[in-house]
Amino acid sequence: MRTKVETALQDIRPMLQADCGDVELVDIKDGIVKVKLTGACGGCPMSQMTLKNGIEVRLKEAVPEVVSVESV
C-alpha cells in the first residue's frame, strides 16, 4: 500500500509545487495516511482544504484502501 500511496503522491506533487509547496508521506496505519505539508502549503490558511478536497480525494481514487488523510 505504501508504494501505491507514494506513486499517487508523485502525481499530486506538481500541483502543490506550482504554488511553492509540497507533501511528504509520514506514516500509514489502518488506512489512515499521515502526511506533512511543507513549503508554502505548511503555513497556508487553505491547507486543510487542500488536504481534504485535494490530496485525500485523489489518494482515495488511486488507492481505495485509503480511509482518510491527516496532516501531522
N, C-alpha and C. Protein backbone atom coordinates (compact mmCIF):
# COMPACT_ATOMS: atom_id res chain seq x y z
N MET A 1 0.82 -1.19 0.00
CA MET A 1 0.00 0.00 0.00
C MET A 1 0.87 1.26 0.00
N ARG A 2 1.97 1.21 0.72
CA ARG A 2 2.85 2.38 0.80
C ARG A 2 3.34 2.80 -0.59
N THR A 3 3.69 1.82 -1.41
CA THR A 3 4.17 2.11 -2.76
C THR A 3 3.08 2.79 -3.59
N LYS A 4 1.84 2.31 -3.46
CA LYS A 4 0.72 2.91 -4.20
C LYS A 4 0.50 4.35 -3.76
N VAL A 5 0.57 4.60 -2.47
CA VAL A 5 0.37 5.95 -1.95
C VAL A 5 1.50 6.87 -2.42
N GLU A 6 2.73 6.39 -2.35
CA GLU A 6 3.87 7.19 -2.82
C GLU A 6 3.72 7.54 -4.30
N THR A 7 3.28 6.58 -5.10
CA THR A 7 3.07 6.82 -6.53
C THR A 7 1.98 7.86 -6.75
N ALA A 8 0.89 7.76 -6.01
CA ALA A 8 -0.20 8.73 -6.13
C ALA A 8 0.26 10.12 -5.70
N LEU A 9 1.07 10.19 -4.65
CA LEU A 9 1.58 11.49 -4.20
C LEU A 9 2.50 12.12 -5.26
N GLN A 10 3.22 11.28 -5.99
CA GLN A 10 4.07 11.81 -7.07
C GLN A 10 3.22 12.51 -8.13
N ASP A 11 2.01 12.02 -8.35
CA ASP A 11 1.11 12.64 -9.32
C ASP A 11 0.53 13.96 -8.79
N ILE A 12 0.39 14.06 -7.48
CA ILE A 12 -0.19 15.25 -6.85
C ILE A 12 0.85 16.36 -6.68
N ARG A 13 2.10 15.99 -6.45
CA ARG A 13 3.17 16.94 -6.13
C ARG A 13 3.29 18.11 -7.10
N PRO A 14 3.24 17.90 -8.41
CA PRO A 14 3.42 19.06 -9.32
C PRO A 14 2.41 20.19 -9.07
N MET A 15 1.20 19.85 -8.69
CA MET A 15 0.19 20.87 -8.41
C MET A 15 0.57 21.68 -7.17
N LEU A 16 1.07 20.99 -6.14
CA LEU A 16 1.48 21.66 -4.92
C LEU A 16 2.76 22.48 -5.16
N GLN A 17 3.68 21.91 -5.90
CA GLN A 17 4.94 22.59 -6.17
C GLN A 17 4.75 23.83 -7.03
N ALA A 18 3.70 23.86 -7.83
CA ALA A 18 3.39 25.04 -8.64
C ALA A 18 3.09 26.24 -7.74
N ASP A 19 2.63 25.97 -6.51
CA ASP A 19 2.34 27.03 -5.54
C ASP A 19 3.41 27.09 -4.45
N CYS A 20 4.61 26.56 -4.75
CA CYS A 20 5.76 26.56 -3.83
C CYS A 20 5.53 25.71 -2.58
N GLY A 21 4.74 24.66 -2.69
CA GLY A 21 4.51 23.76 -1.57
C GLY A 21 4.89 22.34 -1.93
N ASP A 22 4.67 21.43 -1.01
CA ASP A 22 4.94 20.01 -1.25
C ASP A 22 4.26 19.19 -0.17
N VAL A 23 4.32 17.88 -0.32
CA VAL A 23 3.73 16.97 0.66
C VAL A 23 4.70 15.82 0.87
N GLU A 24 4.85 15.39 2.13
CA GLU A 24 5.70 14.27 2.49
C GLU A 24 4.86 13.21 3.17
N LEU A 25 5.06 11.96 2.79
CA LEU A 25 4.39 10.85 3.45
C LEU A 25 5.11 10.57 4.76
N VAL A 26 4.36 10.55 5.86
CA VAL A 26 4.94 10.31 7.18
C VAL A 26 4.68 8.87 7.61
N ASP A 27 3.42 8.41 7.51
CA ASP A 27 3.07 7.08 8.00
C ASP A 27 1.74 6.65 7.39
N ILE A 28 1.52 5.35 7.40
CA ILE A 28 0.23 4.77 7.01
C ILE A 28 -0.11 3.71 8.04
N LYS A 29 -1.30 3.82 8.62
CA LYS A 29 -1.73 2.82 9.60
C LYS A 29 -3.23 2.67 9.51
N ASP A 30 -3.69 1.44 9.33
CA ASP A 30 -5.12 1.13 9.27
C ASP A 30 -5.86 1.98 8.24
N GLY A 31 -5.21 2.23 7.11
CA GLY A 31 -5.83 3.00 6.04
C GLY A 31 -5.79 4.50 6.23
N ILE A 32 -5.20 4.95 7.33
CA ILE A 32 -5.08 6.39 7.58
C ILE A 32 -3.68 6.82 7.15
N VAL A 33 -3.64 7.73 6.19
CA VAL A 33 -2.38 8.22 5.65
C VAL A 33 -2.04 9.52 6.36
N LYS A 34 -0.85 9.57 6.95
CA LYS A 34 -0.40 10.78 7.62
C LYS A 34 0.65 11.44 6.76
N VAL A 35 0.42 12.72 6.47
CA VAL A 35 1.33 13.48 5.61
C VAL A 35 1.72 14.77 6.30
N LYS A 36 2.80 15.35 5.79
CA LYS A 36 3.25 16.65 6.27
C LYS A 36 3.27 17.58 5.07
N LEU A 37 2.53 18.67 5.16
CA LEU A 37 2.55 19.69 4.12
C LEU A 37 3.73 20.60 4.39
N THR A 38 4.53 20.86 3.37
CA THR A 38 5.74 21.65 3.53
C THR A 38 5.74 22.84 2.58
N GLY A 39 6.74 23.69 2.73
CA GLY A 39 6.84 24.88 1.89
C GLY A 39 5.67 25.80 2.16
N ALA A 40 5.18 26.44 1.11
CA ALA A 40 4.07 27.38 1.25
C ALA A 40 2.81 26.69 1.77
N CYS A 41 2.65 25.40 1.49
CA CYS A 41 1.46 24.67 1.95
C CYS A 41 1.45 24.50 3.46
N GLY A 42 2.63 24.45 4.08
CA GLY A 42 2.72 24.25 5.52
C GLY A 42 2.06 25.34 6.33
N GLY A 43 2.13 26.57 5.88
CA GLY A 43 1.57 27.68 6.65
C GLY A 43 0.35 28.31 6.01
N CYS A 44 -0.14 27.71 4.96
CA CYS A 44 -1.27 28.29 4.22
C CYS A 44 -2.57 28.12 4.98
N PRO A 45 -3.39 29.16 5.07
CA PRO A 45 -4.68 29.03 5.75
C PRO A 45 -5.65 28.08 5.03
N MET A 46 -5.37 27.78 3.77
CA MET A 46 -6.23 26.87 3.00
C MET A 46 -5.69 25.44 3.00
N SER A 47 -4.69 25.17 3.82
CA SER A 47 -4.03 23.86 3.78
C SER A 47 -4.98 22.70 4.11
N GLN A 48 -5.92 22.89 5.03
CA GLN A 48 -6.85 21.80 5.34
C GLN A 48 -7.78 21.52 4.18
N MET A 49 -8.15 22.55 3.43
CA MET A 49 -8.98 22.34 2.25
C MET A 49 -8.17 21.58 1.19
N THR A 50 -6.92 21.96 1.02
CA THR A 50 -6.05 21.26 0.08
C THR A 50 -5.90 19.81 0.49
N LEU A 51 -5.74 19.59 1.79
CA LEU A 51 -5.55 18.24 2.31
C LEU A 51 -6.78 17.37 2.06
N LYS A 52 -7.95 17.85 2.44
CA LYS A 52 -9.17 17.04 2.35
C LYS A 52 -9.78 17.00 0.94
N ASN A 53 -9.86 18.16 0.29
CA ASN A 53 -10.53 18.23 -1.01
C ASN A 53 -9.60 17.96 -2.19
N GLY A 54 -8.32 17.95 -1.93
CA GLY A 54 -7.36 17.70 -2.99
C GLY A 54 -6.64 16.39 -2.79
N ILE A 55 -5.77 16.35 -1.80
CA ILE A 55 -4.91 15.19 -1.58
C ILE A 55 -5.73 13.95 -1.22
N GLU A 56 -6.63 14.08 -0.24
CA GLU A 56 -7.41 12.92 0.21
C GLU A 56 -8.27 12.35 -0.92
N VAL A 57 -8.94 13.21 -1.66
CA VAL A 57 -9.81 12.74 -2.75
C VAL A 57 -8.99 11.98 -3.79
N ARG A 58 -7.87 12.55 -4.18
CA ARG A 58 -7.03 11.90 -5.20
C ARG A 58 -6.41 10.59 -4.70
N LEU A 59 -6.00 10.56 -3.43
CA LEU A 59 -5.44 9.32 -2.90
C LEU A 59 -6.49 8.23 -2.82
N LYS A 60 -7.71 8.58 -2.41
CA LYS A 60 -8.78 7.58 -2.34
C LYS A 60 -9.13 7.03 -3.73
N GLU A 61 -9.05 7.88 -4.75
CA GLU A 61 -9.31 7.42 -6.12
C GLU A 61 -8.22 6.45 -6.56
N ALA A 62 -6.98 6.77 -6.27
CA ALA A 62 -5.84 5.97 -6.72
C ALA A 62 -5.63 4.72 -5.86
N VAL A 63 -5.93 4.83 -4.56
CA VAL A 63 -5.69 3.74 -3.62
C VAL A 63 -6.95 3.55 -2.78
N PRO A 64 -7.87 2.69 -3.21
CA PRO A 64 -9.15 2.53 -2.49
C PRO A 64 -9.02 2.13 -1.02
N GLU A 65 -7.89 1.58 -0.64
CA GLU A 65 -7.69 1.18 0.77
C GLU A 65 -7.53 2.37 1.70
N VAL A 66 -7.29 3.54 1.17
CA VAL A 66 -7.13 4.75 1.99
C VAL A 66 -8.47 5.13 2.60
N VAL A 67 -8.48 5.27 3.92
CA VAL A 67 -9.69 5.65 4.66
C VAL A 67 -9.75 7.17 4.81
N SER A 68 -8.64 7.76 5.20
CA SER A 68 -8.57 9.22 5.35
C SER A 68 -7.11 9.67 5.29
N VAL A 69 -6.95 10.98 5.16
CA VAL A 69 -5.62 11.58 5.14
C VAL A 69 -5.59 12.63 6.24
N GLU A 70 -4.53 12.59 7.05
CA GLU A 70 -4.38 13.55 8.15
C GLU A 70 -3.04 14.26 8.04
N SER A 71 -3.02 15.49 8.46
CA SER A 71 -1.78 16.27 8.48
C SER A 71 -1.13 16.15 9.86
N VAL A 72 0.18 16.01 9.87
CA VAL A 72 0.91 15.95 11.14
C VAL A 72 1.95 17.05 11.20
